[in-house]
Amino acid sequence: MRARPAAPAPGVRHPGETAPAGLAPLLDLDPELGALLSPARRSAALQQLVVPSQRLRVGAWDPAGVVGAGPGDLGLLVVEGLLAREVLAENIVSTELLGAGDVIRAGRAPTGSLIRMCVQWSVLAEARIALLATHRLVAFPELLPALAERMLERSERLAVEQAISKLTGLDRRLVALFWHLAERWGRVTSDGVAIPIALSHRILAQLVGARRPSVSTALAELAREGVLARAADGSWLLTGAAPAAPREPGRPVPGRRRLSEPAARRSRRTAATHLHPVDERSV
């Protein structure tokens, strides 16, 4: 018989649990979203576009449990903090890091059913999220291009991370990854470029598609070479040079004039079934 967990002390929350929701003007939480608003419209948005927000403790987290979130909402805006989205396929885990400005969908599962996958979320640094309720945003459509841009930036970062994971040599992948992270979170110091986020060797391994022991060995070698250092608080410092640009652009993927024959025939048959016969008397 499994023992029941002890009840938490008053005022203490389990890891990953959300704090009670509070209301705040969206443009106070993320002023850049109002870049296309006129001064008068910005003033109106500060008064009318008030959204619920929640704080997240470090630990496992389930976006589906966000109070008030529904399938018709645009999603959740990460206001501050650091989240990890882990996609599990068979025995492989791929991780995506998300921070301030990112838009995520609450409780959205991976699409498709032929490859069985599951998603789990973790809060790596205490975070704050805001609910982007559609009925509140429709009054200020000027914000939608900025939100769409955020989603595009996220997809572009994923494309870069996919390219990094294909570099030959684990040391090259790790150096490229850290410079990629520095683009967003890094700050220049007298000692190098500081990346003030604590990432374990396990998370780094999942980001570059490697085994944790191999990552630990490669990080130790990079530290001996003076390329990368880890601070006592778990953050990182880049002390080497950024990776060089590609020597030459890659060749474009050649296009095909048409689909393969069976697929092309099926497409034509499908299209033909949607055509209506022509009445010759109307010609």
C-alpha atoms as a PDB file:
ATOM      1  CA  MET A   1       0.000   0.000   0.000  1.00  0.00           C
ATOM      2  CA  ARG A   2       1.413   3.360  -1.052  1.00  0.00           C
ATOM      3  CA  ALA A   3       1.718   5.940   1.707  1.00  0.00           C
ATOM      4  CA  ARG A   4      -0.248   9.124   1.243  1.00  0.00           C
ATOM      5  CA  PRO A   5       1.927  12.216   0.789  1.00  0.00           C
ATOM      6  CA  ALA A   6       2.041  14.613   3.681  1.00  0.00           C
ATOM      7  CA  ALA A   7      -0.171  17.658   3.344  1.00  0.00           C
ATOM      8  CA  PRO A   8       1.777  20.812   2.454  1.00  0.00           C
ATOM      9  CA  ALA A   9       2.264  23.438   5.097  1.00  0.00           C
ATOM     10  CA  PRO A  10       0.029  26.528   4.862  1.00  0.00           C
ATOM     11  CA  GLY A  11       1.196  28.826   2.088  1.00  0.00           C
ATOM     12  CA  VAL A  12       3.530  26.186   0.567  1.00  0.00           C
ATOM     13  CA  ARG A  13       2.908  24.940  -2.986  1.00  0.00           C
ATOM     14  CA  HIS A  14       4.193  21.839  -4.712  1.00  0.00           C
ATOM     15  CA  PRO A  15       6.838  22.299  -7.468  1.00  0.00           C
ATOM     16  CA  GLY A  16       5.325  23.418 -10.769  1.00  0.00           C
ATOM     17  CA  GLU A  17       2.073  24.520  -9.132  1.00  0.00           C
ATOM     18  CA  THR A  18       0.597  27.842 -10.210  1.00  0.00           C
ATOM     19  CA  ALA A  19       0.058  30.752  -7.890  1.00  0.00           C
ATOM     20  CA  PRO A  20      -3.422  32.326  -7.752  1.00  0.00           C
ATOM     21  CA  ALA A  21      -4.253  34.272 -10.896  1.00  0.00           C
ATOM     22  CA  GLY A  22      -4.078  38.051 -10.929  1.00  0.00           C
ATOM     23  CA  LEU A  23      -5.158  40.633 -13.498  1.00  0.00           C
ATOM     24  CA  ALA A  24      -2.721  42.948 -15.255  1.00  0.00           C
ATOM     25  CA  PRO A  25      -2.722  45.089 -18.429  1.00  0.00           C
ATOM     26  CA  LEU A  26      -1.195  43.018 -21.220  1.00  0.00           C
ATOM     27  CA  LEU A  27       0.912  45.957 -22.430  1.00  0.00           C
ATOM     28  CA  ASP A  28       2.383  46.341 -18.967  1.00  0.00           C
ATOM     29  CA  LEU A  29       3.457  42.719 -19.102  1.00  0.00           C
ATOM     30  CA  ASP A  30       4.815  42.974 -22.674  1.00  0.00           C
ATOM     31  CA  PRO A  31       4.961  46.572 -24.010  1.00  0.00           C
ATOM     32  CA  GLU A  32       6.434  45.502 -27.382  1.00  0.00           C
ATOM     33  CA  LEU A  33       3.152  43.877 -28.378  1.00  0.00           C
ATOM     34  CA  GLY A  34       1.661  47.368 -28.799  1.00  0.00           C
ATOM     35  CA  ALA A  35       4.215  48.597 -31.346  1.00  0.00           C
ATOM     36  CA  LEU A  36       1.500  49.228 -33.993  1.00  0.00           C
ATOM     37  CA  LEU A  37      -0.904  51.030 -31.653  1.00  0.00           C
ATOM     38  CA  SER A  38      -1.397  54.771 -31.871  1.00  0.00           C
ATOM     39  CA  PRO A  39      -0.969  56.704 -28.602  1.00  0.00           C
ATOM     40  CA  ALA A  40      -4.747  56.875 -28.168  1.00  0.00           C
ATOM     41  CA  ARG A  41      -5.209  53.167 -28.896  1.00  0.00           C
ATOM     42  CA  ARG A  42      -2.351  52.272 -26.550  1.00  0.00           C
ATOM     43  CA  SER A  43      -4.006  54.239 -23.782  1.00  0.00           C
ATOM     44  CA  ALA A  44      -7.275  52.414 -24.434  1.00  0.00           C
ATOM     45  CA  ALA A  45      -5.527  49.035 -24.465  1.00  0.00           C
ATOM     46  CA  LEU A  46      -3.872  49.723 -21.124  1.00  0.00           C
ATOM     47  CA  GLN A  47      -7.312  50.275 -19.640  1.00  0.00           C
ATOM     48  CA  GLN A  48      -9.332  47.621 -21.454  1.00  0.00           C
ATOM     49  CA  LEU A  49      -6.933  44.795 -22.377  1.00  0.00           C
ATOM     50  CA  VAL A  50      -6.488  43.319 -18.912  1.00  0.00           C
ATOM     51  CA  VAL A  51      -5.509  39.631 -18.798  1.00  0.00           C
ATOM     52  CA  PRO A  52      -5.162  37.027 -16.049  1.00  0.00           C
ATOM     53  CA  SER A  53      -1.613  35.992 -15.207  1.00  0.00           C
ATOM     54  CA  GLN A  54      -0.105  33.298 -13.018  1.00  0.00           C
ATOM     55  CA  ARG A  55       3.281  32.560 -11.490  1.00  0.00           C
ATOM     56  CA  LEU A  56       4.816  29.110 -11.858  1.00  0.00           C
ATOM     57  CA  ARG A  57       7.103  27.423  -9.382  1.00  0.00           C
ATOM     58  CA  VAL A  58      10.110  25.375 -10.526  1.00  0.00           C
ATOM     59  CA  GLY A  59       9.189  21.765 -11.327  1.00  0.00           C
ATOM     60  CA  ALA A  60       6.922  19.731 -13.586  1.00  0.00           C
ATOM     61  CA  TRP A  61       4.016  21.697 -15.047  1.00  0.00           C
ATOM     62  CA  ASP A  62       0.843  20.914 -16.988  1.00  0.00           C
ATOM     63  CA  PRO A  63      -0.354  23.797 -19.228  1.00  0.00           C
ATOM     64  CA  ALA A  64      -3.781  22.156 -19.452  1.00  0.00           C
ATOM     65  CA  GLY A  65      -4.327  23.053 -15.809  1.00  0.00           C
ATOM     66  CA  VAL A  66      -4.171  26.817 -16.334  1.00  0.00           C
ATOM     67  CA  VAL A  67      -7.271  28.346 -14.800  1.00  0.00           C
ATOM     68  CA  GLY A  68      -9.596  29.909 -17.379  1.00  0.00           C
ATOM     69  CA  ALA A  69      -7.754  28.607 -20.474  1.00  0.00           C
ATOM     70  CA  GLY A  70      -9.915  27.146 -23.233  1.00  0.00           C
ATOM     71  CA  PRO A  71      -9.510  25.713 -26.745  1.00  0.00           C
ATOM     72  CA  GLY A  72     -10.781  28.960 -28.271  1.00  0.00           C
ATOM     73  CA  ASP A  73      -8.029  31.079 -26.717  1.00  0.00           C
ATOM     74  CA  LEU A  74      -4.951  32.155 -28.649  1.00  0.00           C
ATOM     75  CA  GLY A  75      -2.656  30.627 -26.049  1.00  0.00           C
ATOM     76  CA  LEU A  76      -0.379  31.539 -23.175  1.00  0.00           C
ATOM     77  CA  LEU A  77       2.233  34.294 -23.240  1.00  0.00           C
ATOM     78  CA  VAL A  78       5.425  33.641 -21.314  1.00  0.00           C
ATOM     79  CA  VAL A  79       6.086  36.901 -19.478  1.00  0.00           C
ATOM     80  CA  GLU A  80       9.254  35.886 -17.637  1.00  0.00           C
ATOM     81  CA  GLY A  81      11.179  32.819 -16.546  1.00  0.00           C
ATOM     82  CA  LEU A  82      12.364  29.714 -18.374  1.00  0.00           C
ATOM     83  CA  LEU A  83      10.323  26.693 -19.480  1.00  0.00           C
ATOM     84  CA  ALA A  84      11.326  23.416 -21.119  1.00  0.00           C
ATOM     85  CA  ARG A  85       9.109  21.484 -23.509  1.00  0.00           C
ATOM     86  CA  GLU A  86      10.246  17.874 -23.837  1.00  0.00           C
ATOM     87  CA  VAL A  87       8.957  15.684 -26.675  1.00  0.00           C
ATOM     88  CA  LEU A  88       9.397  11.951 -26.047  1.00  0.00           C
ATOM     89  CA  ALA A  89       9.505   9.573 -29.025  1.00  0.00           C
ATOM     90  CA  GLU A  90      10.389   5.974 -28.140  1.00  0.00           C
ATOM     91  CA  ASN A  91      13.491   6.343 -25.933  1.00  0.00           C
ATOM     92  CA  ILE A  92      14.617   9.710 -27.317  1.00  0.00           C
ATOM     93  CA  VAL A  93      13.853  13.092 -25.758  1.00  0.00           C
ATOM     94  CA  SER A  94      14.057  16.375 -27.663  1.00  0.00           C
ATOM     95  CA  THR A  95      13.914  19.603 -25.661  1.00  0.00           C
ATOM     96  CA  GLU A  96      12.873  23.145 -26.552  1.00  0.00           C
ATOM     97  CA  LEU A  97      13.575  26.113 -24.277  1.00  0.00           C
ATOM     98  CA  LEU A  98      11.015  28.894 -24.016  1.00  0.00           C
ATOM     99  CA  GLY A  99      11.253  32.259 -22.326  1.00  0.00           C
ATOM    100  CA  ALA A 100       9.813  35.741 -22.181  1.00  0.00           C
ATOM    101  CA  GLY A 101       7.794  36.643 -25.274  1.00  0.00           C
ATOM    102  CA  ASP A 102       7.044  33.103 -26.436  1.00  0.00           C
ATOM    103  CA  VAL A 103       3.455  32.044 -27.141  1.00  0.00           C
ATOM    104  CA  ILE A 104       2.399  28.482 -26.353  1.00  0.00           C
ATOM    105  CA  ARG A 105      -0.877  26.599 -26.667  1.00  0.00           C
ATOM    106  CA  ALA A 106      -2.305  25.193 -23.453  1.00  0.00           C
ATOM    107  CA  GLY A 107      -2.710  21.431 -23.457  1.00  0.00           C
ATOM    108  CA  ARG A 108      -1.916  21.009 -27.162  1.00  0.00           C
ATOM    109  CA  ALA A 109      -0.719  17.479 -27.963  1.00  0.00           C
ATOM    110  CA  PRO A 110       1.594  16.575 -30.899  1.00  0.00           C
ATOM    111  CA  THR A 111      -0.265  16.215 -34.190  1.00  0.00           C
ATOM    112  CA  GLY A 112      -0.443  12.904 -36.003  1.00  0.00           C
ATOM    113  CA  SER A 113      -0.933   9.377 -34.771  1.00  0.00           C
ATOM    114  CA  LEU A 114       1.508   7.213 -36.746  1.00  0.00           C
ATOM    115  CA  ILE A 115       4.455   8.144 -34.494  1.00  0.00           C
ATOM    116  CA  ARG A 116       3.533   7.838 -30.842  1.00  0.00           C
ATOM    117  CA  MET A 117       4.850  10.797 -28.864  1.00  0.00           C
ATOM    118  CA  CYS A 118       4.116  12.531 -25.615  1.00  0.00           C
ATOM    119  CA  VAL A 119       4.986  15.975 -24.288  1.00  0.00           C
ATOM    120  CA  GLN A 120       5.960  17.026 -20.808  1.00  0.00           C
ATOM    121  CA  TRP A 121       6.665  20.512 -19.513  1.00  0.00           C
ATOM    122  CA  SER A 122       9.035  21.734 -16.815  1.00  0.00           C
ATOM    123  CA  VAL A 123       9.590  25.121 -15.218  1.00  0.00           C
ATOM    124  CA  LEU A 124      13.384  25.579 -15.045  1.00  0.00           C
ATOM    125  CA  ALA A 125      13.306  29.086 -13.535  1.00  0.00           C
ATOM    126  CA  GLU A 126      10.342  30.620 -11.727  1.00  0.00           C
ATOM    127  CA  ALA A 127       8.083  31.945 -14.447  1.00  0.00           C
ATOM    128  CA  ARG A 128       5.021  34.047 -15.120  1.00  0.00           C
ATOM    129  CA  ILE A 129       2.459  33.417 -17.847  1.00  0.00           C
ATOM    130  CA  ALA A 130      -0.529  35.407 -19.129  1.00  0.00           C
ATOM    131  CA  LEU A 131      -3.682  34.079 -20.754  1.00  0.00           C
ATOM    132  CA  LEU A 132      -4.297  35.449 -24.269  1.00  0.00           C
ATOM    133  CA  ALA A 133      -8.073  35.204 -24.341  1.00  0.00           C
ATOM    134  CA  THR A 134      -9.409  35.676 -27.869  1.00  0.00           C
ATOM    135  CA  HIS A 135     -12.468  37.673 -26.791  1.00  0.00           C
ATOM    136  CA  ARG A 136     -10.165  40.259 -25.191  1.00  0.00           C
ATOM    137  CA  LEU A 137      -7.820  40.545 -28.184  1.00  0.00           C
ATOM    138  CA  VAL A 138     -10.447  41.044 -30.905  1.00  0.00           C
ATOM    139  CA  ALA A 139     -10.910  44.658 -29.854  1.00  0.00           C
ATOM    140  CA  PHE A 140      -7.227  45.364 -30.594  1.00  0.00           C
ATOM    141  CA  PRO A 141      -6.292  43.570 -33.835  1.00  0.00           C
ATOM    142  CA  GLU A 142      -3.100  45.674 -34.073  1.00  0.00           C
ATOM    143  CA  LEU A 143      -1.535  43.218 -31.612  1.00  0.00           C
ATOM    144  CA  LEU A 144      -2.054  40.183 -33.833  1.00  0.00           C
ATOM    145  CA  PRO A 145       0.900  40.827 -36.220  1.00  0.00           C
ATOM    146  CA  ALA A 146       3.245  41.056 -33.232  1.00  0.00           C
ATOM    147  CA  LEU A 147       1.910  37.792 -31.817  1.00  0.00           C
ATOM    148  CA  ALA A 148       2.238  36.122 -35.218  1.00  0.00           C
ATOM    149  CA  GLU A 149       5.833  37.377 -35.398  1.00  0.00           C
ATOM    150  CA  ARG A 150       6.552  35.764 -32.030  1.00  0.00           C
ATOM    151  CA  MET A 151       5.283  32.423 -33.335  1.00  0.00           C
ATOM    152  CA  LEU A 152       7.385  32.766 -36.494  1.00  0.00           C
ATOM    153  CA  GLU A 153      10.486  33.543 -34.454  1.00  0.00           C
ATOM    154  CA  ARG A 154       9.899  30.399 -32.412  1.00  0.00           C
ATOM    155  CA  SER A 155       9.696  28.244 -35.557  1.00  0.00           C
ATOM    156  CA  GLU A 156      12.883  29.847 -36.903  1.00  0.00           C
ATOM    157  CA  ARG A 157      14.726  29.104 -33.665  1.00  0.00           C
ATOM    158  CA  LEU A 158      13.626  25.473 -33.913  1.00  0.00           C
ATOM    159  CA  ALA A 159      15.000  25.329 -37.465  1.00  0.00           C
ATOM    160  CA  VAL A 160      18.350  26.680 -36.244  1.00  0.00           C
ATOM    161  CA  GLU A 161      18.424  24.158 -33.395  1.00  0.00           C
ATOM    162  CA  GLN A 162      17.702  21.348 -35.851  1.00  0.00           C
ATOM    163  CA  ALA A 163      20.643  22.476 -37.987  1.00  0.00           C
ATOM    164  CA  ILE A 164      22.893  22.651 -34.907  1.00  0.00           C
ATOM    165  CA  SER A 165      21.958  19.097 -33.923  1.00  0.00           C
ATOM    166  CA  LYS A 166      23.258  17.881 -37.318  1.00  0.00           C
ATOM    167  CA  LEU A 167      26.741  19.418 -37.030  1.00  0.00           C
ATOM    168  CA  THR A 168      29.540  16.863 -36.971  1.00  0.00           C
ATOM    169  CA  GLY A 169      31.420  16.778 -33.686  1.00  0.00           C
ATOM    170  CA  LEU A 170      29.734  17.144 -30.303  1.00  0.00           C
ATOM    171  CA  ASP A 171      32.041  19.995 -29.312  1.00  0.00           C
ATOM    172  CA  ARG A 172      30.944  21.966 -32.387  1.00  0.00           C
ATOM    173  CA  ARG A 173      27.286  21.328 -31.592  1.00  0.00           C
ATOM    174  CA  LEU A 174      27.666  22.507 -28.002  1.00  0.00           C
ATOM    175  CA  VAL A 175      29.560  25.676 -28.936  1.00  0.00           C
ATOM    176  CA  ALA A 176      26.996  26.518 -31.627  1.00  0.00           C
ATOM    177  CA  LEU A 177      24.153  25.862 -29.198  1.00  0.00           C
ATOM    178  CA  PHE A 178      25.582  28.181 -26.550  1.00  0.00           C
ATOM    179  CA  TRP A 179      26.066  30.980 -29.081  1.00  0.00           C
ATOM    180  CA  HIS A 180      22.505  30.389 -30.252  1.00  0.00           C
ATOM    181  CA  LEU A 181      21.308  30.761 -26.665  1.00  0.00           C
ATOM    182  CA  ALA A 182      23.481  33.868 -26.276  1.00  0.00           C
ATOM    183  CA  GLU A 183      21.571  35.541 -29.106  1.00  0.00           C
ATOM    184  CA  ARG A 184      18.548  35.615 -26.832  1.00  0.00           C
ATOM    185  CA  TRP A 185      19.719  35.445 -23.250  1.00  0.00           C
ATOM    186  CA  GLY A 186      23.400  36.422 -23.358  1.00  0.00           C
ATOM    187  CA  ARG A 187      24.955  39.626 -22.085  1.00  0.00           C
ATOM    188  CA  VAL A 188      28.468  40.898 -22.732  1.00  0.00           C
ATOM    189  CA  THR A 189      30.780  41.104 -19.713  1.00  0.00           C
ATOM    190  CA  SER A 190      34.471  41.866 -19.268  1.00  0.00           C
ATOM    191  CA  ASP A 191      35.168  38.121 -19.096  1.00  0.00           C
ATOM    192  CA  GLY A 192      33.086  37.033 -22.087  1.00  0.00           C
ATOM    193  CA  VAL A 193      29.431  36.478 -22.954  1.00  0.00           C
ATOM    194  CA  ALA A 194      27.427  35.386 -19.913  1.00  0.00           C
ATOM    195  CA  ILE A 195      24.358  33.188 -20.373  1.00  0.00           C
ATOM    196  CA  PRO A 196      22.480  33.590 -17.073  1.00  0.00           C
ATOM    197  CA  ILE A 197      20.438  30.405 -17.227  1.00  0.00           C
ATOM    198  CA  ALA A 198      21.263  27.190 -15.395  1.00  0.00           C
ATOM    199  CA  LEU A 199      21.165  24.239 -17.783  1.00  0.00           C
ATOM    200  CA  SER A 200      22.068  20.742 -16.627  1.00  0.00           C
ATOM    201  CA  HIS A 201      24.146  18.354 -18.709  1.00  0.00           C
ATOM    202  CA  ARG A 202      20.992  16.302 -19.258  1.00  0.00           C
ATOM    203  CA  ILE A 203      19.099  19.258 -20.759  1.00  0.00           C
ATOM    204  CA  LEU A 204      22.072  20.170 -22.949  1.00  0.00           C
ATOM    205  CA  ALA A 205      22.262  16.579 -24.191  1.00  0.00           C
ATOM    206  CA  GLN A 206      18.596  16.698 -25.190  1.00  0.00           C
ATOM    207  CA  LEU A 207      19.139  20.019 -26.983  1.00  0.00           C
ATOM    208  CA  VAL A 208      22.003  18.742 -29.155  1.00  0.00           C
ATOM    209  CA  GLY A 209      20.882  15.130 -29.607  1.00  0.00           C
ATOM    210  CA  ALA A 210      23.585  13.398 -27.600  1.00  0.00           C
ATOM    211  CA  ARG A 211      24.085  11.256 -24.491  1.00  0.00           C
ATOM    212  CA  ARG A 212      24.612  12.971 -21.158  1.00  0.00           C
ATOM    213  CA  PRO A 213      27.991  11.279 -20.405  1.00  0.00           C
ATOM    214  CA  SER A 214      29.299  12.355 -23.818  1.00  0.00           C
ATOM    215  CA  VAL A 215      28.147  15.923 -23.177  1.00  0.00           C
ATOM    216  CA  SER A 216      29.894  15.969 -19.792  1.00  0.00           C
ATOM    217  CA  THR A 217      33.145  14.841 -21.425  1.00  0.00           C
ATOM    218  CA  ALA A 218      32.861  17.416 -24.235  1.00  0.00           C
ATOM    219  CA  LEU A 219      32.077  20.249 -21.787  1.00  0.00           C
ATOM    220  CA  ALA A 220      35.118  19.377 -19.695  1.00  0.00           C
ATOM    221  CA  GLU A 221      37.310  19.494 -22.811  1.00  0.00           C
ATOM    222  CA  LEU A 222      35.836  22.865 -23.876  1.00  0.00           C
ATOM    223  CA  ALA A 223      36.530  24.215 -20.388  1.00  0.00           C
ATOM    224  CA  ARG A 224      40.179  23.059 -20.607  1.00  0.00           C
ATOM    225  CA  GLU A 225      40.475  24.798 -23.982  1.00  0.00           C
ATOM    226  CA  GLY A 226      39.138  28.045 -22.499  1.00  0.00           C
ATOM    227  CA  VAL A 227      36.084  28.111 -24.755  1.00  0.00           C
ATOM    228  CA  LEU A 228      33.349  27.680 -22.167  1.00  0.00           C
ATOM    229  CA  ALA A 229      33.066  27.897 -18.391  1.00  0.00           C
ATOM    230  CA  ARG A 230      30.352  27.120 -15.884  1.00  0.00           C
ATOM    231  CA  ALA A 231      29.738  29.395 -12.913  1.00  0.00           C
ATOM    232  CA  ALA A 232      28.989  28.215  -9.387  1.00  0.00           C
ATOM    233  CA  ASP A 233      25.297  29.121  -9.802  1.00  0.00           C
ATOM    234  CA  GLY A 234      24.967  26.860 -12.859  1.00  0.00           C
ATOM    235  CA  SER A 235      25.048  29.645 -15.470  1.00  0.00           C
ATOM    236  CA  TRP A 236      27.520  29.638 -18.364  1.00  0.00           C
ATOM    237  CA  LEU A 237      30.215  31.910 -19.767  1.00  0.00           C
ATOM    238  CA  LEU A 238      31.378  31.878 -23.385  1.00  0.00           C
ATOM    239  CA  THR A 239      35.037  32.862 -23.528  1.00  0.00           C
ATOM    240  CA  GLY A 240      35.870  31.795 -27.086  1.00  0.00           C
ATOM    241  CA  ALA A 241      34.982  33.128 -30.528  1.00  0.00           C
ATOM    242  CA  ALA A 242      31.635  32.685 -32.219  1.00  0.00           C
ATOM    243  CA  PRO A 243      31.426  29.994 -34.930  1.00  0.00           C
ATOM    244  CA  ALA A 244      32.456  31.105 -38.395  1.00  0.00           C
ATOM    245  CA  ALA A 245      29.898  31.661 -41.133  1.00  0.00           C
ATOM    246  CA  PRO A 246      29.339  28.810 -43.631  1.00  0.00           C
ATOM    247  CA  ARG A 247      31.968  28.789 -46.361  1.00  0.00           C
ATOM    248  CA  GLU A 248      29.359  28.660 -49.088  1.00  0.00           C
ATOM    249  CA  PRO A 249      25.570  28.568 -49.132  1.00  0.00           C
ATOM    250  CA  GLY A 250      24.029  25.153 -49.402  1.00  0.00           C
ATOM    251  CA  ARG A 251      22.535  24.027 -52.673  1.00  0.00           C
ATOM    252  CA  PRO A 252      18.763  24.406 -52.869  1.00  0.00           C
ATOM    253  CA  VAL A 253      16.692  21.277 -52.787  1.00  0.00           C
ATOM    254  CA  PRO A 254      15.769  20.485 -56.418  1.00  0.00           C
ATOM    255  CA  GLY A 255      12.079  20.688 -57.129  1.00  0.00           C
ATOM    256  CA  ARG A 256      10.025  18.030 -58.889  1.00  0.00           C
ATOM    257  CA  ARG A 257       7.884  18.800 -61.889  1.00  0.00           C
ATOM    258  CA  ARG A 258       5.044  16.745 -60.479  1.00  0.00           C
ATOM    259  CA  LEU A 259       4.166  14.219 -57.850  1.00  0.00           C
ATOM    260  CA  SER A 260       5.056  10.577 -58.281  1.00  0.00           C
ATOM    261  CA  GLU A 261       2.793   8.932 -60.838  1.00  0.00           C
ATOM    262  CA  PRO A 262       0.471   7.078 -58.446  1.00  0.00           C
ATOM    263  CA  ALA A 263       0.078  10.137 -56.244  1.00  0.00           C
ATOM    264  CA  ALA A 264      -0.444  12.380 -59.247  1.00  0.00           C
ATOM    265  CA  ARG A 265      -3.161  10.106 -60.634  1.00  0.00           C
ATOM    266  CA  ARG A 266      -4.871   9.973 -57.258  1.00  0.00           C
ATOM    267  CA  SER A 267      -4.767  13.770 -57.061  1.00  0.00           C
ATOM    268  CA  ARG A 268      -6.344  14.087 -60.501  1.00  0.00           C
ATOM    269  CA  ARG A 269      -9.042  11.575 -59.645  1.00  0.00           C
ATOM    270  CA  THR A 270      -9.799  13.387 -56.399  1.00  0.00           C
ATOM    271  CA  ALA A 271     -10.007  16.724 -58.183  1.00  0.00           C
ATOM    272  CA  ALA A 272     -12.264  15.259 -60.881  1.00  0.00           C
ATOM    273  CA  THR A 273     -14.790  14.052 -58.345  1.00  0.00           C
ATOM    274  CA  HIS A 274     -15.259  17.663 -57.210  1.00  0.00           C
ATOM    275  CA  LEU A 275     -15.986  18.990 -60.732  1.00  0.00           C
ATOM    276  CA  HIS A 276     -19.598  19.567 -61.680  1.00  0.00           C
ATOM    277  CA  PRO A 277     -20.771  18.527 -65.192  1.00  0.00           C
ATOM    278  CA  VAL A 278     -21.340  21.432 -67.573  1.00  0.00           C
ATOM    279  CA  ASP A 279     -24.816  21.966 -68.930  1.00  0.00           C
ATOM    280  CA  GLU A 280     -24.288  22.459 -72.694  1.00  0.00           C
ATOM    281  CA  ARG A 281     -27.437  24.482 -72.894  1.00  0.00           C
ATOM    282  CA  SER A 282     -25.885  27.165 -70.715  1.00  0.00           C
ATOM    283  CA  VAL A 283     -22.797  27.561 -72.946  1.00  0.00           C
END
